[in-house]
Amino acid sequence: MMQINIQLKQINELIAKTGGHLNPKLSEKELIAFEQIYGITLPLEYRSFVLNIGDGGLILPEYSKNLVNRRNWLLKPLRESKLSKELLSTPFPYTESWNWEGGEGEYDIEADTEGKYHLTKCGNIELFDIGDGASWNLIVNGTCKGEVWSFSEVGIFLPSERMNFYDWIINWFENKPYW
């Protein structure tokens, strides 16, 4: 618990330093209700974040405060999620990156004859839409529960090192490379 408190403090400092603004925190009651509706238990780091810091909102990377025309970087609020119980309660089956458009074994996602593409929709919550069909998603069910992955129109990808929600959000604020 001490490590989590240190990480929460570091994230709060980064939010204050960069001028981000988060939505109100979730109550324990709201979070438990969400978990019961979807039949999951959220990863500890993400749970701690929404209970102690905020439920989504504007998170600005360090370099953005120097930009004249900075765009909004919005962490999606959990309380506004419109998720499928069936998809969220089904474990995310992947443990390695998968590029379905390129290299050997290119996969026709339109036909999806094996159901492999459909399974990419299971057991994860989109945290952040980065545009051009790409997002950062938190795995909430399955072997990789607690990890943040990059999803795009061409595949699902692990960062160069597996990272939990705290590692991911701190890297985001500090503009550290993921690859």
Foldseek 3Di string as FASTA:
>chain_A
DVVLVVLLVVLVVLCVQQVWDAAAADDPVRQVVLCVVLVFHADPSVNCCRHPPHFKGFHAAQVQSPDPDHDTWIFHGPVPDDDDSVQQNDALEDDAKDFLPDDPNNDDPVPCVVCNVVSNSHQWDFGTDPDQQKTWIARGGHPLHQWIWIQGPGIIHAFPDTDGPSVVSVCRRHVPGRD
